[in-house]
Every structure is written in structure tokens, then in C-alpha cells.
Protein backbone atom coordinates (compact mmCIF):
# COMPACT_ATOMS: atom_id res chain seq x y z
CA MET A 1 -74.74 143.84 188.26
CA ALA A 2 -74.90 146.28 185.35
CA LEU A 3 -73.20 145.39 182.10
CA GLU A 4 -70.11 147.38 181.24
CA ASN A 5 -70.23 150.16 178.67
CA MET A 6 -74.00 150.41 178.51
CA HIS A 7 -75.52 153.44 176.82
CA LEU A 8 -79.00 154.70 177.50
CA LEU A 9 -80.23 156.88 174.61
CA VAL A 10 -83.06 159.30 175.31
CA GLY A 11 -85.00 160.35 172.22
CA VAL A 12 -85.26 164.13 172.43
CA ASP A 13 -87.32 166.01 169.87
CA SER A 14 -89.94 168.73 170.11
CA SER A 15 -92.70 166.24 170.94
CA SER A 16 -90.81 164.28 173.59
CA LEU A 17 -89.63 167.52 175.19
CA MET A 18 -93.24 168.38 175.92
CA ALA A 19 -93.62 164.94 177.50
CA GLY A 20 -90.69 165.63 179.85
CA ALA A 21 -87.77 163.94 178.06
CA ARG A 22 -85.06 166.13 179.55
CA THR A 23 -86.49 165.91 183.05
CA ILE A 24 -86.51 162.12 182.74
CA LYS A 25 -82.94 162.20 181.42
CA GLU A 26 -81.84 164.17 184.49
CA GLU A 27 -83.64 161.75 186.82
CA LEU A 28 -81.99 158.78 185.07
CA GLU A 29 -78.57 160.34 185.60
CA LYS A 30 -79.32 160.95 189.30
CA GLU A 31 -80.67 157.43 189.83
CA ILE A 32 -77.75 155.83 187.99
CA SER A 33 -75.36 157.80 190.19
CA ARG A 34 -77.30 156.92 193.36
CA GLN A 35 -77.07 153.22 192.56
CA GLY A 36 -73.34 153.43 191.81
CA LEU A 37 -73.61 152.68 188.10
CA SER A 38 -72.07 155.85 186.64
CA GLU A 39 -68.86 154.03 185.70
CA ASN A 40 -70.73 151.57 183.50
CA VAL A 41 -73.80 153.41 182.19
CA LYS A 42 -73.85 156.62 180.16
CA VAL A 43 -77.03 158.59 179.40
CA LEU A 44 -77.03 160.37 176.05
CA GLU A 45 -79.47 162.45 174.00
CA THR A 46 -80.25 161.46 170.45
CA GLY A 47 -82.84 162.46 167.86
CA SER A 48 -86.36 161.12 167.45
CA LEU A 49 -86.70 157.41 168.23
CA ALA A 50 -90.43 156.86 167.58
CA SER A 51 -93.68 158.56 166.73
CA SER A 52 -95.00 161.27 169.03
CA GLU A 53 -97.62 158.84 170.36
CA LYS A 54 -94.85 156.98 172.22
CA ASN A 55 -93.97 160.16 174.17
CA VAL A 56 -90.58 159.66 175.89
CA VAL A 57 -88.67 156.76 174.33
CA LEU A 58 -85.44 155.18 175.61
CA LEU A 59 -83.07 152.85 173.78
CA VAL A 60 -80.69 150.63 175.76
CA TYR A 61 -77.45 149.67 174.06
CA PRO A 62 -75.95 147.18 173.38
CA GLU A 63 -79.12 145.12 173.81
CA GLY A 64 -81.25 147.25 171.50
CA ILE A 65 -84.23 147.31 173.86
CA TYR A 66 -86.73 150.16 173.44
CA TYR A 67 -88.94 151.56 176.18
CA GLY A 68 -91.92 153.77 175.31
CA ASN A 69 -94.19 156.15 177.21
CA VAL A 70 -91.60 156.39 179.99
CA THR A 71 -92.46 158.64 182.94
CA ILE A 72 -90.60 159.87 186.01
CA ASP A 73 -92.24 157.09 188.03
CA ASP A 74 -90.58 154.47 185.79
CA VAL A 75 -87.01 155.70 186.23
CA GLU A 76 -86.13 153.86 189.45
CA GLU A 77 -87.52 150.57 188.12
CA ILE A 78 -85.61 150.82 184.83
CA VAL A 79 -82.32 151.53 186.61
CA GLU A 80 -82.84 148.98 189.38
CA GLU A 81 -84.21 146.10 187.31
CA HIS A 82 -82.63 146.51 183.89
CA LEU A 83 -79.44 148.48 184.28
CA LYS A 84 -78.41 146.94 187.61
CA LYS A 85 -79.91 143.43 187.54
CA GLY A 86 -80.12 142.86 183.80
CA ARG A 87 -83.88 142.21 183.82
CA PRO A 88 -85.75 144.29 181.17
CA VAL A 89 -88.96 146.00 182.28
CA GLU A 90 -91.43 144.11 180.10
CA ARG A 91 -94.40 146.41 180.65
CA LEU A 92 -92.56 149.37 179.07
CA LYS A 93 -91.00 147.56 176.13
CA ILE A 94 -92.05 148.51 172.62
CA GLU A 95 -91.18 146.84 169.35
CA PRO A 96 -87.72 147.78 168.11
CA GLU A 97 -87.42 150.48 165.51
CA SER A 98 -85.41 149.65 162.43
CA GLY A 99 -82.85 152.29 163.29
CA PRO A 100 -83.62 155.95 163.23
CA ALA A 101 -86.47 158.13 163.87
CA ALA A 102 -89.51 157.69 163.11
CA ARG A 103 -91.99 155.04 163.19
CA SER A 104 -93.57 153.08 165.95
CA VAL A 105 -94.81 150.26 163.77
CA SER A 106 -93.23 146.80 163.99
CA LEU A 107 -92.26 145.59 160.53
CA THR A 108 -91.65 142.04 159.40
CA PRO A 109 -87.94 141.12 159.35
CA ASP A 110 -87.81 141.43 155.56
CA LYS A 111 -89.53 144.80 155.60
CA ARG A 112 -87.28 145.96 158.44
CA ARG A 113 -84.15 145.11 156.46
CA GLU A 114 -85.59 146.79 153.36
CA GLU A 115 -86.49 149.92 155.30
CA LEU A 116 -83.11 150.18 157.01
CA SER A 117 -81.18 149.60 153.78
CA SER A 118 -83.02 152.47 152.08
CA ARG A 119 -82.09 155.08 154.67
CA VAL A 120 -80.28 158.00 153.09
CA VAL A 121 -81.48 161.17 154.79
CA LEU A 122 -82.33 159.61 158.16
CA GLU A 123 -79.40 157.20 158.21
CA ASP A 124 -77.93 158.59 161.43
CA VAL A 125 -81.00 160.12 163.08
CA GLY A 126 -81.58 158.30 166.33
CA GLU A 127 -78.22 156.55 166.00
CA ILE A 128 -75.85 159.34 167.02
CA SER A 129 -75.96 162.23 169.45
CA PRO A 130 -76.79 165.39 167.50
CA ASP A 131 -74.82 167.40 170.07
CA GLU A 132 -71.54 165.53 169.52
CA ILE A 133 -69.56 166.36 166.39
CA ASP A 134 -67.22 163.44 167.11
CA GLU A 135 -70.11 161.01 166.70
CA TYR A 136 -71.00 162.52 163.33
CA ILE A 137 -67.36 162.29 162.24
CA ALA A 138 -67.20 158.68 163.48
CA VAL A 139 -69.94 157.65 161.03
CA GLY A 140 -68.28 159.40 158.08
CA GLY A 141 -69.37 162.97 158.73
CA TYR A 142 -67.47 165.73 156.89
CA GLU A 143 -65.68 163.07 154.86
CA ALA A 144 -67.49 164.16 151.70
CA LEU A 145 -66.41 167.77 152.21
CA GLY A 146 -62.85 166.62 152.89
CA VAL A 147 -62.76 164.47 149.76
CA VAL A 148 -63.98 167.31 147.55
CA LEU A 149 -61.59 169.92 148.97
CA GLU A 150 -58.48 167.81 149.57
CA GLU A 151 -58.65 166.04 146.22
CA GLY A 152 -59.14 169.31 144.42
CA MET A 153 -62.47 168.48 142.78
CA LYS A 154 -63.52 171.45 140.69
CA PRO A 155 -66.84 173.13 141.51
CA GLU A 156 -68.14 172.25 138.07
CA GLU A 157 -67.28 168.60 138.67
CA LEU A 158 -69.22 168.61 141.93
CA ILE A 159 -72.24 170.15 140.18
CA GLU A 160 -71.98 167.51 137.45
CA LEU A 161 -71.88 164.76 140.09
CA VAL A 162 -75.04 166.08 141.76
CA SER A 163 -76.70 166.45 138.35
CA ASP A 164 -75.79 162.88 137.39
CA SER A 165 -77.43 161.60 140.58
CA GLY A 166 -80.79 162.93 139.40
CA LEU A 167 -81.49 164.53 142.79
CA ARG A 168 -84.55 166.75 142.62
CA GLY A 169 -85.52 169.34 145.20
CA ARG A 170 -87.34 167.88 148.19
CA GLY A 171 -89.07 171.11 149.16
CA GLY A 172 -92.02 170.50 146.87
CA ALA A 173 -91.27 171.64 143.32
CA GLY A 174 -88.90 168.79 142.43
CA PHE A 175 -86.55 171.02 140.42
CA PRO A 176 -83.22 169.33 139.49
CA THR A 177 -80.73 170.28 142.21
CA GLY A 178 -77.61 170.19 140.06
CA LEU A 179 -79.23 172.45 137.47
CA LYS A 180 -80.23 174.92 140.17
CA TRP A 181 -76.66 175.01 141.48
CA SER A 182 -75.31 175.57 137.97
CA PHE A 183 -77.39 178.73 137.57
CA THR A 184 -75.83 180.27 140.67
CA ARG A 185 -72.36 179.10 139.66
CA LYS A 186 -72.64 180.83 136.28
CA ALA A 187 -74.18 184.00 137.68
CA GLU A 188 -71.89 187.02 137.93
CA GLY A 189 -71.39 188.51 141.36
CA ASP A 190 -68.67 189.40 143.85
CA LYS A 191 -70.69 187.77 146.63
CA LYS A 192 -72.90 184.68 146.64
CA TYR A 193 -75.04 182.97 149.27
CA VAL A 194 -76.44 179.57 150.18
CA VAL A 195 -79.75 179.58 152.07
CA CYS A 196 -81.27 176.54 153.75
CA ASN A 197 -85.06 176.77 153.87
CA ALA A 198 -86.08 175.26 157.21
CA ASP A 199 -89.25 177.29 157.65
CA GLU A 200 -91.55 174.30 157.12
CA GLY A 201 -94.92 176.00 157.57
CA GLU A 202 -97.04 173.42 155.74
CA PRO A 203 -99.57 171.82 158.11
CA GLY A 204 -98.75 168.24 158.97
CA THR A 205 -95.11 168.58 157.95
CA PHE A 206 -92.28 168.10 160.42
CA LYS A 207 -89.65 166.12 158.51
CA ASP A 208 -87.17 168.99 158.29
CA ARG A 209 -87.50 169.64 162.01
CA LEU A 210 -86.62 166.05 162.87
CA ILE A 211 -83.71 166.02 160.42
CA LEU A 212 -82.28 169.17 161.98
CA GLU A 213 -82.92 167.93 165.50
CA GLY A 214 -81.37 164.53 164.81
CA ASP A 215 -78.47 165.24 162.43
CA PRO A 216 -77.64 168.98 162.18
CA HIS A 217 -74.03 168.47 161.04
CA ARG A 218 -75.24 166.78 157.86
CA ILE A 219 -77.05 169.98 156.87
CA ILE A 220 -73.95 172.05 157.61
CA GLU A 221 -71.86 169.74 155.44
CA GLY A 222 -74.42 169.82 152.64
CA MET A 223 -74.48 173.62 152.71
CA ALA A 224 -70.67 173.83 152.64
CA LEU A 225 -70.59 171.54 149.60
CA CYS A 226 -73.25 173.68 147.93
CA GLY A 227 -71.25 176.80 148.77
CA TYR A 228 -68.12 175.35 147.19
CA ALA A 229 -69.99 174.27 144.07
CA THR A 230 -71.76 177.59 143.53
CA GLY A 231 -69.00 179.97 144.63
CA ALA A 232 -70.66 181.11 147.87
CA ASP A 233 -68.67 181.80 151.03
CA GLU A 234 -71.61 182.44 153.33
CA GLY A 235 -74.69 180.46 154.26
CA LEU A 236 -77.83 181.11 156.28
CA ILE A 237 -80.22 178.60 157.81
CA TYR A 238 -83.70 180.11 157.98
CA ILE A 239 -85.47 178.18 160.75
CA ARG A 240 -89.08 178.57 161.80
CA GLY A 241 -89.04 180.45 165.09
CA GLU A 242 -91.17 177.85 166.89
CA TYR A 243 -88.48 175.21 166.31
CA ASP A 244 -86.60 175.90 169.54
CA LEU A 245 -84.78 172.57 169.63
CA SER A 246 -83.81 172.74 165.96
CA ILE A 247 -82.35 176.21 166.52
CA GLU A 248 -80.53 175.10 169.67
CA ARG A 249 -78.95 172.04 168.06
CA ALA A 250 -78.12 173.75 164.76
CA GLN A 251 -76.36 176.60 166.57
CA HIS A 252 -74.44 174.15 168.75
CA ALA A 253 -73.40 172.22 165.64
CA ILE A 254 -72.24 175.43 163.93
CA ASP A 255 -70.16 176.35 166.99
CA GLN A 256 -68.57 172.89 167.07
CA ALA A 257 -67.83 172.94 163.34
CA ARG A 258 -66.09 176.30 163.71
CA GLU A 259 -64.06 174.96 166.63
CA TYR A 260 -62.93 171.99 164.52
CA GLY A 261 -62.05 174.19 161.55
CA LEU A 262 -64.89 172.80 159.44
CA LEU A 263 -66.44 176.24 159.08
CA GLY A 264 -64.58 179.49 158.65
CA LYS A 265 -61.40 180.22 156.73
CA ASP A 266 -59.35 177.90 154.51
CA LEU A 267 -61.31 174.68 155.03
CA PHE A 268 -59.08 171.60 154.75
CA GLY A 269 -56.23 173.88 153.64
CA SER A 270 -57.97 174.35 150.30
CA GLY A 271 -58.32 178.13 150.35
CA PHE A 272 -62.13 177.76 150.45
CA ASP A 273 -63.86 179.96 153.04
CA PHE A 274 -67.37 179.20 154.24
CA ASP A 275 -69.32 180.13 157.34
CA LEU A 276 -72.92 179.91 158.54
CA GLU A 277 -75.42 181.71 160.68
CA ILE A 278 -79.03 181.09 161.72
CA VAL A 279 -81.94 183.39 161.00
CA GLN A 280 -85.16 182.77 162.91
CA GLY A 281 -88.48 183.08 161.09
CA ALA A 282 -91.57 184.70 162.55
CA GLY A 283 -94.07 181.98 161.69
CA ALA A 284 -95.55 183.19 158.40
CA TYR A 285 -96.59 180.40 156.03
CA VAL A 286 -95.85 182.48 152.95
CA VAL A 287 -92.12 182.75 153.73
CA GLY A 288 -91.78 179.10 152.77
CA GLU A 289 -91.72 180.57 149.26
CA GLU A 290 -88.06 181.28 148.55
CA THR A 291 -88.28 184.95 147.55
CA ALA A 292 -90.54 185.81 150.50
CA LEU A 293 -88.00 184.04 152.69
CA LEU A 294 -85.20 186.18 151.25
CA ASN A 295 -87.17 189.34 151.95
CA SER A 296 -87.66 188.18 155.52
CA ILE A 297 -83.91 187.61 155.98
CA GLU A 298 -83.29 191.12 154.70
CA GLY A 299 -85.57 192.48 157.41
CA LYS A 300 -88.43 193.26 155.06
CA ARG A 301 -92.02 192.10 155.18
CA GLY A 302 -92.26 188.50 153.98
CA TYR A 303 -93.81 189.31 150.62
CA PRO A 304 -93.01 187.17 147.55
CA ARG A 305 -91.07 188.87 144.78
CA VAL A 306 -92.07 189.01 141.15
CA LYS A 307 -89.91 186.59 139.13
CA PRO A 308 -87.75 186.98 137.10
CA PRO A 309 -85.14 187.75 138.25
CA PHE A 310 -84.73 184.46 140.03
CA PRO A 311 -82.63 184.08 143.20
CA ALA A 312 -79.84 182.37 141.29
CA ASN A 313 -79.14 185.73 139.62
CA SER A 314 -80.53 188.24 142.11
CA GLY A 315 -81.33 186.75 145.49
CA LEU A 316 -80.31 187.74 149.00
CA PHE A 317 -79.34 191.44 149.05
CA GLY A 318 -79.42 191.32 145.26
CA LYS A 319 -76.62 188.73 145.08
CA PRO A 320 -76.71 185.30 143.40
CA THR A 321 -78.25 182.87 145.88
CA THR A 322 -79.04 179.15 146.03
CA VAL A 323 -82.05 178.24 148.18
CA ASN A 324 -82.37 174.55 149.07
CA ASN A 325 -84.65 172.63 151.40
CA VAL A 326 -83.29 170.78 154.47
CA GLU A 327 -84.05 167.34 153.02
CA THR A 328 -82.41 168.25 149.71
CA LEU A 329 -79.17 169.29 151.43
CA ALA A 330 -79.18 166.17 153.61
CA ASN A 331 -78.86 164.07 150.45
CA ILE A 332 -75.66 165.79 149.26
CA PRO A 333 -72.93 164.25 151.49
CA PRO A 334 -73.95 160.61 150.86
CA ILE A 335 -74.24 161.28 147.12
CA VAL A 336 -70.69 162.66 147.08
CA LEU A 337 -69.33 159.70 149.08
CA ASN A 338 -71.25 156.90 147.34
CA GLY A 339 -71.67 158.28 143.83
CA PRO A 340 -74.58 159.00 141.50
CA ASN A 341 -75.18 155.37 140.55
CA TRP A 342 -75.61 154.38 144.19
CA PHE A 343 -78.22 157.12 144.63
CA LYS A 344 -80.01 156.07 141.46
CA SER A 345 -80.28 152.52 142.81
CA PHE A 346 -83.14 153.85 144.96
CA GLY A 347 -86.44 155.10 143.59
CA THR A 348 -87.50 155.38 139.97
CA GLU A 349 -85.71 156.35 136.79
CA ASN A 350 -86.89 159.97 136.77
CA SER A 351 -87.27 160.32 140.55
CA PRO A 352 -84.22 158.62 142.05
CA GLY A 353 -83.42 158.43 145.73
CA THR A 354 -85.69 158.27 148.74
CA LYS A 355 -88.42 160.50 150.10
CA VAL A 356 -89.13 161.40 153.70
CA PHE A 357 -92.85 161.53 154.46
CA THR A 358 -94.77 162.56 157.54
CA ILE A 359 -97.93 160.49 157.77
CA LEU A 360 -100.79 161.61 160.01
CA GLY A 361 -104.51 161.26 160.46
CA HIS A 362 -106.57 158.11 160.85
CA VAL A 363 -103.67 155.63 160.93
CA ASN A 364 -102.48 153.52 163.84
CA ASP A 365 -98.88 154.75 163.88
CA PRO A 366 -98.45 158.33 162.64
CA GLY A 367 -94.91 159.60 162.29
CA LEU A 368 -91.95 159.91 159.96
CA VAL A 369 -90.86 157.43 157.34
CA GLU A 370 -88.19 157.35 154.62
CA VAL A 371 -88.94 155.13 151.64
CA PRO A 372 -87.67 154.79 148.06
CA MET A 373 -89.32 157.15 145.60
CA GLY A 374 -92.18 155.35 143.89
CA THR A 375 -93.44 153.56 147.01
CA THR A 376 -97.23 153.45 146.94
CA LEU A 377 -99.50 155.13 149.45
CA ASN A 378 -101.06 151.76 150.19
CA ASP A 379 -97.66 150.33 151.19
CA ILE A 380 -96.88 153.32 153.40
CA ILE A 381 -100.20 153.07 155.22
CA THR A 382 -100.11 149.29 155.56
CA ASP A 383 -96.43 148.55 156.16
CA TYR A 384 -95.19 151.68 157.88
CA ALA A 385 -98.16 153.37 159.54
CA GLY A 386 -99.78 150.27 160.99
CA GLY A 387 -102.86 150.40 158.77
CA MET A 388 -106.07 152.35 159.19
CA ARG A 389 -107.14 153.08 162.75
CA GLY A 390 -110.60 151.56 162.41
CA ARG A 391 -112.79 152.65 159.53
CA PRO A 392 -111.81 152.08 155.88
CA PHE A 393 -109.70 154.55 153.88
CA LYS A 394 -111.49 157.41 152.16
CA LEU A 395 -108.87 159.88 150.96
CA ALA A 396 -105.44 161.32 151.61
CA GLN A 397 -104.09 164.78 151.01
CA LEU A 398 -100.49 164.71 149.83
CA GLY A 399 -98.11 167.59 150.46
CA GLY A 400 -99.93 169.60 153.10
CA THR A 401 -102.94 171.88 152.77
CA ALA A 402 -101.69 173.11 149.40
CA GLY A 403 -101.53 169.54 148.11
CA GLY A 404 -103.73 167.38 145.96
CA ILE A 405 -106.16 164.60 146.84
CA LEU A 406 -105.61 160.87 146.48
CA ASP A 407 -108.76 158.75 146.58
CA GLU A 408 -109.13 154.99 146.90
CA GLU A 409 -108.42 154.43 143.20
CA MET A 410 -105.00 156.08 143.60
CA LEU A 411 -103.79 154.00 146.55
CA ASP A 412 -101.51 151.84 144.41
CA LEU A 413 -99.97 154.58 142.28
CA PRO A 414 -96.17 155.00 142.61
CA MET A 415 -95.56 158.18 144.60
CA ASP A 416 -92.90 159.89 142.54
CA PHE A 417 -92.73 163.33 140.93
CA ASP A 418 -93.86 162.30 137.45
CA THR A 419 -96.63 159.84 138.32
CA MET A 420 -98.18 162.26 140.77
CA ALA A 421 -97.96 165.11 138.24
CA GLU A 422 -99.79 162.98 135.68
CA HIS A 423 -102.70 162.76 138.13
CA GLY A 424 -102.67 166.44 139.05
CA VAL A 425 -100.94 165.96 142.41
CA THR A 426 -97.55 167.05 143.73
CA LEU A 427 -95.41 165.46 146.45
CA GLY A 428 -95.11 168.89 148.00
CA SER A 429 -93.66 168.97 151.50
CA GLY A 430 -94.08 165.23 151.98
CA ALA A 431 -97.01 165.41 154.41
CA ILE A 432 -99.62 162.66 154.05
CA LEU A 433 -102.93 163.35 155.79
CA VAL A 434 -105.00 160.16 155.80
CA MET A 435 -108.76 160.36 156.31
CA ASP A 436 -111.26 157.53 156.87
CA ARG A 437 -114.88 157.30 155.78
CA SER A 438 -116.13 159.28 158.77
CA THR A 439 -114.59 162.43 157.25
CA SER A 440 -116.86 165.17 155.96
CA VAL A 441 -115.46 166.37 152.65
CA ARG A 442 -117.34 169.67 152.94
CA LYS A 443 -115.87 170.44 156.38
CA MET A 444 -112.46 169.38 155.14
CA LEU A 445 -112.74 171.81 152.22
CA GLN A 446 -113.86 174.58 154.55
CA SER A 447 -110.85 173.96 156.81
CA PHE A 448 -108.46 174.13 153.86
CA MET A 449 -109.92 177.39 152.59
CA ASN A 450 -109.84 178.91 156.07
CA PHE A 451 -106.13 178.12 156.25
CA PHE A 452 -105.41 179.85 152.94
CA ARG A 453 -107.48 182.86 153.96
CA HIS A 454 -105.64 183.16 157.26
CA GLU A 455 -102.15 182.74 155.76
CA SER A 456 -102.53 185.02 152.72
CA CYS A 457 -100.03 187.85 153.06
CA GLY A 458 -102.45 190.19 151.27
CA GLN A 459 -99.89 191.55 148.83
CA CYS A 460 -101.73 190.58 145.64
CA ILE A 461 -105.44 191.05 145.05
CA PRO A 462 -106.15 187.62 143.49
CA CYS A 463 -105.00 185.85 146.64
CA ARG A 464 -106.19 188.41 149.18
CA ASP A 465 -109.75 188.54 147.85
CA GLY A 466 -109.87 185.08 146.32
CA THR A 467 -109.05 183.17 149.49
CA SER A 468 -111.77 185.01 151.42
CA LYS A 469 -114.33 184.30 148.72
CA LEU A 470 -113.36 180.62 148.56
CA TYR A 471 -113.75 180.29 152.31
CA GLN A 472 -117.22 181.85 152.18
CA LEU A 473 -118.30 179.52 149.37
CA ALA A 474 -116.97 176.49 151.27
CA THR A 475 -118.80 177.64 154.42
CA ASP A 476 -122.04 177.92 152.45
CA LEU A 477 -121.63 174.27 151.39
CA VAL A 478 -121.10 173.19 155.00
CA GLU A 479 -124.21 175.09 156.08
CA GLY A 480 -126.33 173.76 153.20
CA LYS A 481 -126.63 177.23 151.61
CA GLY A 482 -124.83 176.48 148.35
CA LYS A 483 -126.31 177.65 145.05
CA LYS A 484 -126.64 175.96 141.69
CA ASN A 485 -123.23 176.98 140.27
CA HIS A 486 -121.46 176.96 143.60
CA ILE A 487 -118.85 174.33 142.77
CA GLU A 488 -118.15 175.76 139.33
CA ASP A 489 -117.66 179.19 140.92
CA MET A 490 -115.06 177.79 143.32
CA ILE A 491 -113.16 176.15 140.47
CA ARG A 492 -113.32 179.32 138.35
CA ILE A 493 -111.98 181.51 141.18
CA ALA A 494 -109.24 179.03 142.08
CA GLU A 495 -108.16 178.71 138.44
CA SER A 496 -107.98 182.50 138.13
CA MET A 497 -105.86 182.63 141.26
CA GLU A 498 -103.58 179.93 139.90
CA ALA A 499 -102.97 182.04 136.79
CA THR A 500 -102.57 185.44 138.44
CA ALA A 501 -101.41 185.13 142.08
CA LEU A 502 -97.80 186.07 142.82
CA CYS A 503 -96.76 182.99 144.75
CA PRO A 504 -97.64 179.33 145.38
CA LEU A 505 -99.96 180.17 148.25
CA GLY A 506 -102.46 181.89 145.99
CA GLN A 507 -101.80 179.44 143.17
CA SER A 508 -102.46 176.36 145.32
CA PRO A 509 -106.17 176.25 146.31
CA ILE A 510 -107.04 174.77 142.93
CA GLN A 511 -105.22 171.56 143.92
CA PRO A 512 -107.40 170.47 146.86
CA ILE A 513 -110.55 171.95 145.32
CA SER A 514 -110.20 170.17 141.99
CA GLY A 515 -109.17 166.94 143.71
CA LEU A 516 -112.18 166.91 146.02
CA VAL A 517 -114.55 167.85 143.20
CA LYS A 518 -113.17 165.08 140.98
CA SER A 519 -113.50 162.34 143.59
CA PHE A 520 -116.32 163.54 145.86
CA ARG A 521 -118.51 165.87 143.83
CA GLY A 522 -121.70 164.20 144.97
CA GLU A 523 -120.87 164.75 148.62
CA LEU A 524 -120.03 168.40 147.98
CA GLU A 525 -123.32 168.88 146.13
CA GLU A 526 -125.19 167.80 149.25
CA GLY A 527 -124.46 171.30 150.52
CA ILE A 528 -126.37 172.95 147.69
CA LYS A 529 -129.75 174.35 148.72
CA ASN A 530 -132.78 172.92 146.89
CA ARG A 531 -130.53 170.41 145.10
CA VAL A 532 -132.47 168.48 142.47
CA GLU A 533 -131.84 164.73 142.75
CA SER A 534 -131.07 163.04 139.46
């Protein structure tokens, strides 16, 4: 007979949806009803439970048993054997995740405890239903906002608290969050805005999508706190248009928050008004840059603006605006509740807190992981991604296509803002693309340059012409048609673009080019025609 009060969680994210997660959920509900178990077993949606390679994943509470790669054909057996007779289906079991979202690798007990204890952003992802505001409230949701407003904390005090935590922007640049808020707070204006950048166009990056899909109320709460601190009464979440599930869950969360009086007028009886709406992006990579994003919201072409003025002084519709990344905002509520010193207990002195990475490529268990700042790439690959898939490690690109290159000698460097900057690399969007020794560096370079060429908005000449020229030079190397000064020409063009292009897209090709040249020059030179061997 089925245990009482069992819960069957179905991990629903963009990847599992394509594998039929909601269809399987519906079949589970029908089968549970058919077998007379509806009184004892509830089927609920939650956020991501494992890497995309596990397809549809189920978690049975209170036993904590995970099933992976579940199909429609497995539903009757799971209900009959496990939920009714108490006998787990061994062939479908996968190793338990250490809580939320995101990896399919089985850690040692010590590593599992360490990983779970360092959850900040993903603390509730995969643990609560993203569609139920009561579940978010039950784990402390909106408590930070209530504390700030009911206790009468001044906006300046909230900014100081965030500044003291040392939180730096998780969208790529690593700019101090509290300092950014202070600029908007001090700016003069009868109207101010908060904008959440959830465009996430960097290849290999999907951390913000899974945060929004798994814990949308945390972003709403973070934006409301930002609004109070900066003097804004209106917020907008700019979500990449392809993120259907993120949009669906964020809108549902906004509707629920309004219904509960957590958005709208006079929040917590404090006199503070704040409301949100969603703006869908059209899929342009360049609008990940904050001023291009603002132009897009205004209904204009997504071209970057010349700075200054900066958004803090003249942003959306010419009003003072704070633009923060999803991951940045997700850190705010726990910092308010637990304090700056708690946050600084994670990570390094100058890069406190945790970092969410998406790791892909030639590893056994690609997916999402949250680790303390300063964790090495070697530890992430070995302990969290299940090691290399077969061949030895060759290189990794950190931060998406616009990111730098880490070779074998950099495997044990602490991955924090300062250490990476010292080696000419940025954390960027948090994507880690791992390549083994079968990888052709020349084809990799060509692929990167093709991406920049395709995504250039064409507004400024250095980027519009430079990306096309870089792609042609990279193609010549692939085809063995390179000339004597080919590599130097690529560096010269990329450096000129870095100095003159309007936005980070045109300024970024120098990162992967210089990284590949530094570590793999000999392999690149193999594409030069009539190369003279030394």
C-alpha cells in the first residue's frame, strides 16, 4: 500500500519539456487516480533536477529517490511498484542530487555536504514548486523584503548592507552591486526603474533560465529590494523570447505576488509602491549589453548607446535606471536575511559569495553547478562534471564565445574575478566550454569568429567590418591558406576593435584570439601556406 503524504516531484525545465515532462506528469496523475492513490500521492512540478542528459527526472519524497530518463512506458511500473507496493524501480534509479538543480554527478558524502552548504542562488531550485508562492514563503520568501520595509530600514542603509557584502555583478563585468545602486539612488529624477537582464544570449549559458524557471519569486523579491534602495517604483524583466517556460513562470509569479499584496501599492504598509512587468526579447545577442537592452524595451532597434551618460543617470526613457543580471538579484534576499559577513564566508576576499556555472563540452556530466568563488576549473571538472568524457583535457573557454581561454596550465587557478583578470580572462556569463585533445583549435577559432560576424548589429564600422574580416582570416587558417603575418593581422584587427567598437560584442574577439594564440600558436600556424619549419 502507498505511503501517506508522498510527493512526486517532476523536474520541469526547457530541456525536460522537450523530452515530454508535462505529458509524463499528466500520465502519472491519471495512473495514480486509476490505482486509487490520489489521497496519498501528490504530483508536483519543480525546477531542474538534473542535467539535460537525464531527460525527464522524478524525485519521490519522503524517500529522496530519483528516477532518470523516465518515459511514458515507465509510468505504470513506477506507480504500481513504488508508489503502491513500496518497491523502487531499480533500473530507473539515478544517484541522488545534493538538492537543487543541476548536476547529475554523484559526489562523495563530504563533497555533497560541501556543495549543499554553499548553495545561495540555487538554494530552493528543485526543492519548491516555482508555481506556488506559498512554498516560496514557507522557506523564507519575501521575509527579507518584509524586514526591510516593516523595520523601516532606510534605502541608504540597504545599499550599505549590499556594499558591505562585497557582491559583484554576476552578468560578466563584476562591477560592485552596492556601488551601482548608489549611483541610481543619488541620480535626480521624478521616475526611476529597475531592469532585470534575463536575455542570456551567450552560447553555452543557461544559468539565468534555470534560476527563473526554478525560483522566480526570488528574482521578484530581489528587484523589489533594489527598487526600494534606488528609489524606483517600477521594474521590468527583459527575458529572451525563446525562454517560454521562464516567461510563463515569471508572469505567474508576478500575478501571485500582486494577489498577495507583495507587488503594487503600499507594500507591507510602508508607503513603498513597486510593480513589475515582463518584456520579451527578440533573440539578438547584442541586447545583452545593457544600453542596447534599454533601447529594445523602448521599442527601438537594439543598438548600444554611446556612454556616458550611463543608465544610472539616463537609462530607460531617459530616467535613472539600475540594470542587474538575474543571478545578481537572486543573491539579494539571502544577503539581507543573513548579513554581509555570512555572504563573505563564501568565496575569496575580493570575490565573495558563490558563482553559478554552466559546464558543457567533453565532460561526462554537463549541467549547472553553484560553487564558492575561487573554486578551480580542475575541481569543477573532476568533482562536479564527472571528469573528462574520454580523451585528456586540452582547453576551456570561460564565459561564452566572448570569453578567454584556459589551457592545461591554468586548471588549478582560483576562478574569481581578480585571478582571472590577472591572466587576461573574465568570468563572463559563467559558461565553461570544455574541449579535449581531439579539438581543432583552428576550427574552434573559425566558429567563434563566425558567431561574432553573425551577431554584430552593424551599427559601428569597427565591429561590422572587423568581424567579417576576422572570420575570413580564420577560415583561411582552416583551409591552409594563411599568409606569413596572418596571426599578427588577426590580433591587430581585434585590438583595434577592442579600442574603438561601441559595445562589448565588438570589443570581445581579442579575448579568444589572444588566448588561443598564447596557448596554441603552433597549431594555428599549421594553417599558414608554405610555412617554414623552424
